[in-house]
Amino acid sequence: SRRRHTRYISVTGVQTCALPIFGPPDRDRQVREVLPRRAGLSARGPLNRAAMKLLVTCGPSYEPIDQARRVTNFSTGRLGIALANHFTAAGWDVTCLKGEQATCADPLHARRVLPFTTNEDLAARLGELAAEGGWAAVFHAAALCDFRVERVTDEHGQVLASPKFSSRPGRVNLVLAPALKGLPQLRGDRKS
């Protein structure tokens, strides 16, 4: 039996194709032509019923500082929404993992839309979806945090532990550590 592999496409890698990611009409051309071709997929729809499932990630993740503050990337989610809508309209079975902080107001027409918050939350959802199997491709357009908050200290180096840190006593220091990246784990890479 022939083994089928899921294709993983980091959408930000398209920048190396000399096409800008944002701004019509280039973004529309990327969604219609460039990204499907890079993934080896037909933008007109699935070639067979066994290869119909696509996964798209979009929007930003965040990492909490406390219960009121966050570290995040700016991402509207627009490119991922455009990809999900395009492939849904072409007959693909699209699942979209959308960051809760995505600001794009465009309607999202994927069959299934699942929210995510942090990098770890996205990685857990990707793991659950990977267990379903049958994915033809994953379009990773989400903007993940590069760092997570390891600890928060006051200006004297004392670790702060509170649902919301007061800003009155003085400086607050954030100690950042590299954040988990979900896509390498999904691919089976050892580095995160």
Protein backbone atom coordinates (compact mmCIF):
# COMPACT_ATOMS: atom_id res chain seq x y z
CA SER A 1 0.00 0.00 0.00
CA ARG A 2 1.17 3.49 -0.78
CA ARG A 3 1.68 5.74 2.20
CA ARG A 4 0.18 9.22 1.93
CA HIS A 5 1.94 12.12 3.65
CA THR A 6 0.38 15.29 4.96
CA ARG A 7 1.93 18.44 3.51
CA TYR A 8 2.81 21.23 5.95
CA ILE A 9 2.98 24.70 4.51
CA SER A 10 4.21 27.66 6.50
CA VAL A 11 2.36 30.48 4.80
CA THR A 12 4.93 33.08 5.85
CA GLY A 13 7.45 31.22 3.66
CA VAL A 14 5.59 32.57 0.64
CA GLN A 15 7.43 35.85 1.11
CA THR A 16 10.44 34.16 -0.50
CA CYS A 17 8.37 33.68 -3.68
CA ALA A 18 8.63 37.43 -4.40
CA LEU A 19 4.91 37.91 -3.80
CA PRO A 20 3.86 40.06 -0.86
CA ILE A 21 1.53 38.35 1.59
CA PHE A 22 -0.79 41.30 2.15
CA GLY A 23 -2.75 43.55 -0.13
CA PRO A 24 -5.04 42.85 -3.05
CA PRO A 25 -4.64 41.67 -5.72
CA ASP A 26 -1.44 39.80 -4.76
CA ARG A 27 -2.97 38.22 -1.66
CA ASP A 28 -5.88 36.97 -3.72
CA ARG A 29 -3.48 35.49 -6.27
CA GLN A 30 -1.57 33.74 -3.49
CA VAL A 31 -4.75 32.19 -2.15
CA ARG A 32 -5.98 31.12 -5.59
CA GLU A 33 -2.71 29.99 -7.20
CA VAL A 34 0.60 30.16 -5.33
CA LEU A 35 -0.21 28.42 -2.03
CA PRO A 36 -2.20 25.54 -3.55
CA ARG A 37 0.59 24.94 -6.08
CA ARG A 38 3.25 24.93 -3.32
CA ALA A 39 1.17 22.38 -1.43
CA GLY A 40 0.63 20.23 -4.52
CA LEU A 41 -3.13 20.69 -4.24
CA SER A 42 -5.77 21.54 -6.77
CA ALA A 43 -7.29 24.92 -5.97
CA ARG A 44 -10.36 23.84 -7.94
CA GLY A 45 -11.21 21.17 -5.40
CA PRO A 46 -10.09 17.78 -4.19
CA LEU A 47 -8.93 15.33 -6.82
CA ASN A 48 -10.39 12.41 -4.86
CA ARG A 49 -12.68 12.02 -1.86
CA ALA A 50 -9.89 10.49 0.27
CA ALA A 51 -7.79 13.67 0.17
CA MET A 52 -10.43 16.24 1.06
CA LYS A 53 -9.35 17.41 4.51
CA LEU A 54 -7.39 20.64 4.91
CA LEU A 55 -6.34 22.36 8.12
CA VAL A 56 -5.73 26.12 8.26
CA THR A 57 -4.38 28.06 11.25
CA CYS A 58 -4.84 31.83 11.49
CA GLY A 59 -4.66 34.75 13.87
CA PRO A 60 -2.36 35.31 16.83
CA SER A 61 -1.62 33.29 19.91
CA TYR A 62 -0.91 34.95 23.23
CA GLU A 63 1.05 34.11 26.35
CA PRO A 64 -0.33 35.37 29.68
CA ILE A 65 1.66 37.69 31.95
CA ASP A 66 -1.10 37.58 34.58
CA GLN A 67 -4.86 37.20 34.30
CA ALA A 68 -5.24 40.73 32.91
CA ARG A 69 -2.17 41.17 30.65
CA ARG A 70 -0.70 39.26 27.72
CA VAL A 71 2.23 39.07 25.35
CA THR A 72 1.05 38.56 21.78
CA ASN A 73 1.82 39.04 18.11
CA PHE A 74 -0.27 41.28 15.93
CA SER A 75 -2.18 39.24 13.39
CA THR A 76 -5.59 39.90 11.92
CA GLY A 77 -6.12 36.33 10.68
CA ARG A 78 -7.10 37.68 7.25
CA LEU A 79 -4.81 35.44 5.17
CA GLY A 80 -5.89 32.26 6.94
CA ILE A 81 -9.57 33.21 6.64
CA ALA A 82 -9.10 33.87 2.91
CA LEU A 83 -7.41 30.47 2.49
CA ALA A 84 -10.11 28.65 4.46
CA ASN A 85 -12.91 30.36 2.53
CA HIS A 86 -11.28 29.72 -0.84
CA PHE A 87 -10.75 26.01 -0.25
CA THR A 88 -14.21 25.60 1.34
CA ALA A 89 -15.82 27.18 -1.74
CA ALA A 90 -13.78 24.81 -3.94
CA GLY A 91 -15.22 21.77 -2.16
CA TRP A 92 -12.51 20.95 0.39
CA ASP A 93 -13.40 19.87 3.95
CA VAL A 94 -11.67 22.71 5.82
CA THR A 95 -11.02 22.96 9.54
CA CYS A 96 -9.74 26.34 10.72
CA LEU A 97 -7.94 26.91 14.02
CA LYS A 98 -8.44 30.63 14.65
CA GLY A 99 -6.67 32.63 17.36
CA GLU A 100 -9.20 34.18 19.75
CA GLN A 101 -7.52 37.58 19.32
CA ALA A 102 -7.82 37.66 15.49
CA THR A 103 -9.31 41.01 14.45
CA CYS A 104 -10.37 40.32 10.86
CA ALA A 105 -14.16 40.70 10.63
CA ASP A 106 -14.46 38.74 7.36
CA PRO A 107 -16.89 35.81 7.65
CA LEU A 108 -15.23 32.41 7.98
CA HIS A 109 -16.94 29.61 6.04
CA ALA A 110 -14.86 26.58 7.05
CA ARG A 111 -16.84 23.46 8.01
CA ARG A 112 -15.30 23.54 11.46
CA VAL A 113 -13.85 26.56 13.28
CA LEU A 114 -11.97 25.94 16.52
CA PRO A 115 -10.54 28.74 18.68
CA PHE A 116 -7.09 28.67 20.26
CA THR A 117 -5.38 30.90 22.80
CA THR A 118 -1.75 30.10 23.62
CA ASN A 119 0.92 28.23 21.68
CA GLU A 120 0.39 25.23 23.96
CA ASP A 121 -3.36 25.35 23.36
CA LEU A 122 -2.78 25.38 19.60
CA ALA A 123 -0.29 22.50 19.88
CA ALA A 124 -2.84 20.45 21.87
CA ARG A 125 -5.56 21.10 19.29
CA LEU A 126 -3.16 20.23 16.45
CA GLY A 127 -2.34 16.98 18.24
CA GLU A 128 -6.04 16.12 18.60
CA LEU A 129 -6.67 16.88 14.94
CA ALA A 130 -3.58 14.94 13.82
CA ALA A 131 -5.00 11.88 15.59
CA GLU A 132 -8.05 12.11 13.30
CA GLY A 133 -5.76 11.48 10.32
CA GLY A 134 -6.53 11.97 6.65
CA TRP A 135 -5.23 15.52 6.29
CA ALA A 136 -4.13 16.43 2.77
CA ALA A 137 -2.36 19.61 3.94
CA VAL A 138 -1.91 22.01 6.83
CA PHE A 139 -1.67 25.73 6.01
CA HIS A 140 0.00 27.33 9.03
CA ALA A 141 -0.76 31.06 8.85
CA ALA A 142 -1.10 31.70 12.60
CA ALA A 143 1.30 34.15 14.25
CA LEU A 144 2.64 32.28 17.26
CA CYS A 145 4.44 33.88 20.18
CA ASP A 146 8.19 33.40 20.13
CA PHE A 147 8.38 33.71 23.90
CA ARG A 148 6.34 32.76 26.96
CA VAL A 149 6.48 34.43 30.35
CA GLU A 150 8.62 32.22 32.57
CA ARG A 151 8.25 34.40 35.66
CA VAL A 152 7.49 37.94 36.75
CA THR A 153 9.64 39.68 39.36
CA ASP A 154 9.62 43.05 41.10
CA GLU A 155 12.57 45.43 40.80
CA HIS A 156 14.30 43.60 43.68
CA GLY A 157 14.09 40.20 41.96
CA GLN A 158 11.26 38.82 44.12
CA VAL A 159 8.89 36.60 42.15
CA LEU A 160 5.40 38.07 41.93
CA ALA A 161 2.41 35.77 42.21
CA SER A 162 -0.96 37.43 41.81
CA PRO A 163 -3.92 37.22 39.44
CA LYS A 164 -3.17 40.85 38.52
CA PHE A 165 0.12 42.55 39.32
CA SER A 166 -0.08 46.03 40.75
CA SER A 167 1.67 48.75 38.77
CA ARG A 168 2.05 51.03 41.80
CA PRO A 169 5.08 49.57 43.68
CA GLY A 170 7.56 50.15 40.84
CA ARG A 171 9.12 48.24 37.99
CA VAL A 172 8.02 44.77 37.00
CA ASN A 173 10.45 42.50 35.17
CA LEU A 174 9.37 39.77 32.79
CA VAL A 175 11.63 36.77 32.31
CA LEU A 176 10.87 35.32 28.88
CA ALA A 177 11.67 31.82 27.68
CA PRO A 178 11.31 30.34 24.18
CA ALA A 179 7.72 29.31 23.54
CA LEU A 180 6.56 25.98 22.20
CA LYS A 181 5.96 25.95 18.45
CA GLY A 182 3.17 23.59 17.41
CA LEU A 183 3.91 22.85 13.75
CA PRO A 184 7.33 21.23 14.27
CA GLN A 185 5.74 18.90 16.82
CA LEU A 186 2.97 17.99 14.40
CA ARG A 187 5.57 17.16 11.75
CA GLY A 188 7.50 15.07 14.26
CA ASP A 189 10.53 17.39 14.46
CA ARG A 190 12.43 17.13 17.71
CA LYS A 191 13.11 20.86 18.01
CA SER A 192 10.23 23.05 19.20
